[in-house]
Every structure is written in structure tokens, then in C-alpha cells.
């Protein structure tokens, strides 16, 4: 699995976030929770990432 794309984060990516004003990226569940609070952001679980959901 890939690592979270957020700076300084070493958790495994579990979610792809589609952010209209930025590039799409794969992030860990903790960062996904924060990012999806913005209007217009869509989150999609990555296939095979079930073990990383916490």
C-alpha cells in the first residue's frame, strides 16, 4: 500500500479524496476525516485498504 500523501504523515493511505480546488490524492483515514469536512470534497475508499480503517 502507498503512504499518505500529506506532508509528514507515515500512515498508509486508505482513502482517495477528490478536492475540486486541488489535485486528487490518497490519504490516511485521519487526514480524510479532516479534508472531507470541506464542501465539494468527495472521498472514496481505496480497494484493499480495509485494515487501515480506524
C-alpha atoms as a PDB file:
ATOM      1  CA  UNK A   1       0.000   0.000   0.000  1.00  0.00           C
ATOM      2  CA  UNK A   2       1.010   3.595  -0.517  1.00  0.00           C
ATOM      3  CA  UNK A   3       1.799   6.077   2.222  1.00  0.00           C
ATOM      4  CA  UNK A   4      -0.462   9.039   2.983  1.00  0.00           C
ATOM      5  CA  UNK A   5       0.337  11.952   0.669  1.00  0.00           C
ATOM      6  CA  UNK A   6       0.085  14.584   3.429  1.00  0.00           C
ATOM      7  CA  UNK A   7       3.420  16.097   4.481  1.00  0.00           C
ATOM      8  CA  UNK A   8       4.998  14.393   7.461  1.00  0.00           C
ATOM      9  CA  UNK A   9       2.444  11.564   7.654  1.00  0.00           C
ATOM     10  CA  UNK A  10       3.723   8.000   7.507  1.00  0.00           C
ATOM     11  CA  UNK A  11       0.351   6.216   7.830  1.00  0.00           C
ATOM     12  CA  UNK A  12      -0.861   4.035   4.996  1.00  0.00           C
ATOM     13  CA  UNK A  13      -3.274   5.621   2.533  1.00  0.00           C
ATOM     14  CA  UNK A  14      -6.811   4.246   2.747  1.00  0.00           C
ATOM     15  CA  UNK A  15      -8.905   6.912   1.012  1.00  0.00           C
ATOM     16  CA  UNK A  16      -8.716   8.829  -2.265  1.00  0.00           C
ATOM     17  CA  UNK A  17     -10.015  12.370  -1.854  1.00  0.00           C
ATOM     18  CA  UNK A  18     -11.255  14.391  -4.783  1.00  0.00           C
ATOM     19  CA  UNK A  19     -10.751  18.064  -3.953  1.00  0.00           C
ATOM     20  CA  UNK A  20     -12.124  20.460  -6.616  1.00  0.00           C
ATOM     21  CA  UNK A  21      -9.506  23.184  -5.969  1.00  0.00           C
ATOM     22  CA  UNK A  22      -6.510  20.819  -5.541  1.00  0.00           C
ATOM     23  CA  UNK A  23      -5.125  17.632  -7.044  1.00  0.00           C
ATOM     24  CA  UNK A  24      -6.773  14.331  -6.117  1.00  0.00           C
ATOM     25  CA  UNK A  25      -4.695  12.400  -3.624  1.00  0.00           C
ATOM     26  CA  UNK A  26      -4.555   9.279  -1.475  1.00  0.00           C
ATOM     27  CA  UNK A  27      -4.549   9.904   2.263  1.00  0.00           C
ATOM     28  CA  UNK A  28      -4.892   8.040   5.561  1.00  0.00           C
ATOM     29  CA  UNK A  29      -8.265   7.884   7.316  1.00  0.00           C
ATOM     30  CA  UNK A  30      -7.294  10.575   9.835  1.00  0.00           C
ATOM     31  CA  UNK A  31      -6.471  13.110   7.131  1.00  0.00           C
ATOM     32  CA  UNK A  32      -9.516  12.075   5.085  1.00  0.00           C
ATOM     33  CA  UNK A  33     -11.811  12.867   8.035  1.00  0.00           C
ATOM     34  CA  UNK A  34     -10.460  16.401   8.169  1.00  0.00           C
ATOM     35  CA  UNK A  35     -10.369  17.015   4.411  1.00  0.00           C
ATOM     36  CA  UNK A  36     -13.934  15.851   3.718  1.00  0.00           C
ATOM     37  CA  UNK A  37     -15.319  18.488   6.085  1.00  0.00           C
ATOM     38  CA  UNK A  38     -14.963  20.981   3.219  1.00  0.00           C
ATOM     39  CA  UNK A  39     -17.909  21.401   0.874  1.00  0.00           C
ATOM     40  CA  UNK A  40     -17.484  19.714  -2.504  1.00  0.00           C
ATOM     41  CA  UNK A  41     -14.881  17.152  -1.420  1.00  0.00           C
ATOM     42  CA  UNK A  42     -15.617  13.514  -2.203  1.00  0.00           C
ATOM     43  CA  UNK A  43     -13.892  10.559  -0.531  1.00  0.00           C
ATOM     44  CA  UNK A  44     -13.589   7.046  -1.958  1.00  0.00           C
ATOM     45  CA  UNK A  45     -12.151   4.076  -0.030  1.00  0.00           C
ATOM     46  CA  UNK A  46      -9.137   2.518  -1.731  1.00  0.00           C
ATOM     47  CA  UNK A  47      -9.554  -1.113  -2.706  1.00  0.00           C
ATOM     48  CA  UNK A  48      -7.802  -3.441  -0.262  1.00  0.00           C
ATOM     49  CA  UNK A  49      -7.464  -0.785   2.441  1.00  0.00           C
ATOM     50  CA  UNK A  50      -9.994  -2.258   4.886  1.00  0.00           C
ATOM     51  CA  UNK A  51      -7.337  -2.984   7.513  1.00  0.00           C
ATOM     52  CA  UNK A  52      -6.385   0.708   7.615  1.00  0.00           C
ATOM     53  CA  UNK A  53      -9.845   1.981   8.585  1.00  0.00           C
ATOM     54  CA  UNK A  54      -9.730   3.145  12.188  1.00  0.00           C
END
